[in-house]
Protein backbone atom coordinates (compact mmCIF):
# COMPACT_ATOMS: atom_id res chain seq x y z
CA PRO A 1 100.78 104.58 109.83
CA VAL A 2 102.51 102.37 112.41
CA ALA A 3 103.64 99.93 109.71
CA ILE A 4 105.02 102.78 107.62
CA LYS A 5 106.86 104.21 110.61
CA GLU A 6 108.37 100.79 111.33
CA ALA A 7 109.41 100.42 107.67
CA ALA A 8 111.05 103.85 107.78
CA GLU A 9 112.96 102.82 110.93
CA ARG A 10 114.13 99.62 109.24
CA LEU A 11 115.60 101.70 106.41
CA LYS A 12 118.17 103.04 108.84
CA GLN A 13 119.44 99.52 109.57
CA PRO A 14 121.89 97.69 107.29
CA THR A 15 120.14 95.15 105.08
CA THR A 16 121.08 92.39 102.68
CA THR A 17 120.02 92.30 99.05
CA MET A 18 116.88 90.27 98.56
CA VAL A 19 115.20 88.84 95.47
CA LEU A 20 111.62 87.66 94.95
CA LEU A 21 111.52 84.14 93.56
CA PRO A 22 108.33 82.88 91.90
CA ARG A 23 106.59 79.84 93.33
CA PRO A 24 104.60 77.44 91.11
CA ARG A 25 100.86 77.48 91.69
CA ALA A 26 99.40 74.20 92.86
CA SER A 27 96.63 74.22 90.23
CA SER A 28 98.72 75.03 87.14
CA THR A 29 102.19 75.04 85.69
CA SER A 30 102.38 78.84 85.45
CA LEU A 31 104.41 80.79 87.97
CA SER A 32 103.02 83.13 90.57
CA MET A 33 104.88 86.15 91.95
CA SER A 34 103.42 85.43 95.38
CA GLY A 35 106.59 83.53 96.22
CA SER A 36 108.91 84.06 99.12
CA ILE A 37 111.75 86.53 99.53
CA VAL A 38 115.16 84.92 99.78
CA PRO A 39 118.70 86.33 99.95
CA CYS A 40 120.52 86.86 96.66
CA PRO A 41 122.89 84.01 95.81
CA PRO A 42 126.49 84.62 96.92
CA PHE A 43 127.82 83.98 93.39
CA ARG A 44 126.14 87.15 92.05
CA ARG A 45 128.71 89.72 90.98
CA PRO A 46 128.11 93.47 91.23
CA PHE A 47 127.10 95.21 88.02
CA GLN A 48 129.91 97.16 86.38
CA HIS A 49 129.28 100.10 84.08
CA GLN A 50 131.34 100.34 80.90
CA ASN A 51 133.07 103.58 79.98
CA ASN A 52 133.54 104.82 76.38
CA ASN A 53 136.46 102.40 75.89
CA ASN A 54 134.25 99.41 76.83
CA THR A 55 136.36 98.77 79.92
CA PRO A 56 134.66 98.22 83.27
CA THR A 57 134.49 101.16 85.64
CA THR A 58 134.15 100.71 89.37
CA LYS A 59 130.98 102.14 90.82
CA THR A 60 131.02 104.07 94.05
CA ASN A 61 129.58 102.77 97.31
CA LYS A 62 128.02 106.18 97.89
CA LEU A 63 124.76 105.43 96.07
CA LYS A 64 121.82 106.32 98.30
CA GLY A 65 118.20 106.12 97.38
CA PHE A 66 114.63 105.61 98.43
CA PHE A 67 112.39 104.19 95.71
CA ALA A 68 108.73 103.38 96.19
CA GLY A 69 105.86 102.00 94.16
CA SER A 70 103.88 105.23 94.17
CA GLY A 71 105.46 108.67 94.32
CA SER A 72 102.33 110.54 95.35
CA ASP A 73 101.35 108.15 98.11
CA SER A 74 104.86 107.51 99.38
CA MET A 75 106.57 110.87 99.25
CA SER A 76 103.59 112.65 100.79
CA ASN A 77 103.91 110.46 103.89
CA PRO A 78 105.76 112.29 106.71
CA TYR A 79 107.46 109.10 107.97
CA ILE A 80 108.85 108.33 104.54
CA ALA A 81 109.90 111.95 103.99
CA ARG A 82 111.80 111.79 107.29
CA ALA A 83 113.51 108.53 106.27
CA VAL A 84 114.60 110.12 102.98
CA VAL A 85 115.94 113.20 104.79
CA ASP A 86 117.80 110.96 107.26
CA LEU A 87 119.70 109.40 104.34
CA THR A 88 121.44 112.75 103.79
CA GLU A 89 123.07 112.50 107.22
CA GLN A 90 122.60 116.27 107.70
CA SER A 91 122.21 117.42 111.30
CA SER A 92 118.83 119.06 110.67
CA PRO A 93 116.18 118.96 107.93
CA SER A 94 116.58 122.74 107.63
CA ASP A 95 120.10 122.04 106.31
CA VAL A 96 118.72 119.83 103.52
CA SER A 97 118.22 121.06 99.98
CA LEU A 98 115.72 119.04 97.92
CA LEU A 99 115.43 119.34 94.14
CA TYR A 100 112.13 118.17 92.68
CA ILE A 101 112.15 117.06 89.04
CA GLY A 102 108.61 116.55 87.76
CA THR A 103 109.35 115.81 84.10
CA ALA A 104 107.59 112.42 84.14
CA SER A 105 104.38 114.14 85.33
CA TYR A 106 104.89 117.04 82.90
CA ASP A 107 105.76 119.48 85.71
CA ILE A 108 102.12 119.67 86.83
CA PRO A 109 102.05 121.79 90.03
CA LYS A 110 99.54 119.63 91.99
CA PHE A 111 101.90 116.62 91.80
CA ARG A 112 104.83 118.78 92.90
CA ARG A 113 102.87 120.06 95.90
CA ASN A 114 101.69 116.58 96.86
CA GLN A 115 105.17 115.05 96.74
CA THR A 116 107.08 117.91 98.38
CA ASN A 117 104.74 119.16 101.15
CA ALA A 118 105.99 116.60 103.70
CA PHE A 119 109.58 117.75 103.05
CA ILE A 120 108.56 121.42 103.35
CA ASP A 121 106.81 120.61 106.65
CA LEU A 122 110.09 119.12 107.91
CA GLY A 123 111.87 122.37 107.07
CA CYS A 124 113.74 121.31 103.93
CA ASP A 125 114.60 123.90 101.28
CA VAL A 126 112.63 122.68 98.24
CA THR A 127 113.25 123.87 94.68
CA SER A 128 112.03 122.56 91.35
CA LEU A 129 113.70 122.05 88.00
CA ASP A 130 111.01 122.24 85.33
CA VAL A 131 112.18 120.83 82.01
CA ALA A 132 109.05 119.17 80.56
CA ASN A 133 107.89 122.26 78.67
CA GLN A 134 110.88 124.55 78.80
CA ARG A 135 114.61 124.38 78.21
CA PRO A 136 116.72 125.77 81.06
CA ASN A 137 120.28 126.64 80.19
CA PRO A 138 122.90 123.98 81.03
CA GLU A 139 124.46 126.10 83.80
CA GLU A 140 121.09 126.44 85.56
CA MET A 141 120.50 122.67 85.43
CA GLU A 142 124.03 121.94 86.63
CA GLU A 143 123.75 124.34 89.58
CA ALA A 144 120.34 122.95 90.60
CA VAL A 145 121.58 119.34 90.53
CA ASN A 146 124.95 120.06 92.16
CA THR A 147 123.50 121.96 95.13
CA ALA A 148 120.85 119.35 95.99
CA ASP A 149 121.18 116.95 98.91
CA ILE A 150 118.10 115.05 97.68
CA ILE A 151 116.80 114.74 94.14
CA LEU A 152 113.14 113.73 94.16
CA VAL A 153 111.80 112.52 90.81
CA SER A 154 108.06 112.37 90.17
CA GLY A 155 106.14 109.39 88.96
CA GLY A 156 104.51 109.41 85.55
CA ASN A 157 105.82 108.77 82.06
CA THR A 158 109.28 107.23 82.46
CA LEU A 159 110.11 107.11 78.76
CA TYR A 160 109.13 110.74 78.20
CA ALA A 161 111.28 111.88 81.15
CA LEU A 162 114.32 109.86 80.05
CA ASP A 163 114.05 111.06 76.47
CA ARG A 164 113.69 114.68 77.58
CA TRP A 165 116.64 114.42 80.01
CA ARG A 166 118.87 112.90 77.31
CA TYR A 167 117.90 115.65 74.89
CA LEU A 168 118.78 118.33 77.46
CA GLY A 169 121.86 116.59 78.91
CA LEU A 170 120.22 116.28 82.33
CA ASP A 171 120.71 112.49 82.41
CA GLY A 172 124.47 112.82 82.80
CA LEU A 173 124.08 115.38 85.59
CA LEU A 174 121.71 113.04 87.46
CA ARG A 175 124.07 110.08 87.02
CA THR A 176 126.98 112.12 88.37
CA ALA A 177 124.90 113.31 91.32
CA ALA A 178 123.93 109.74 92.21
CA GLU A 179 127.56 108.60 92.01
CA ARG A 180 128.59 111.55 94.19
CA GLY A 181 126.25 110.41 96.97
CA THR A 182 123.24 112.67 96.46
CA VAL A 183 120.14 110.92 97.80
CA MET A 184 117.95 109.89 94.87
CA ALA A 185 114.26 109.39 95.66
CA GLY A 186 110.98 108.83 93.91
CA GLY A 187 108.06 106.55 93.31
CA SER A 188 106.78 104.70 90.27
CA ALA A 189 108.63 106.31 87.31
CA GLY A 190 110.65 108.25 89.88
CA GLY A 191 111.62 104.97 91.49
CA ASN A 192 113.00 103.31 88.39
CA PHE A 193 114.63 106.14 86.44
CA LEU A 194 118.09 105.59 87.92
CA VAL A 195 118.27 102.14 86.33
CA PHE A 196 118.13 103.73 82.88
CA LEU A 197 120.71 106.50 83.36
């Protein structure tokens, strides 16, 4: 718990981008991912999205997120929940609205409870947008996404979630929310979904 609390505190401090470089194993020519972490090279250029005309669009600096290896283990931790809430820059957790999207875990209630209880304990207003087995109308999805300060995405089946969101048009709403500065959070599938939007 102390290490997690220290990691959550470090999230509040400005950091540089880091990359994990593989180091050759002494006994073979294969590479091991137990290498060291080094700063990204200065020649790296920021990624630019292309619009429909295939011209680069400038991305906002407002992107905020907390992505972990395991959604259930991470988001149920009170220190991590507090760090995620702090990213909203709201004066109090009771002013924070969190939208849980459990599509990747098929909207199973036990996963929702596990990943949102720490946020509820902090006083956040938690709602859920269930789209795995039902089709909400577009206005309902838009309102849920647009009123959220944090969007917490469950772990689970990434490809199923992305396919379902594209079918419903939720992917565009999530992309717009991220670009607007809504805090995006999740673990496992919920930690890598934003890359695919």
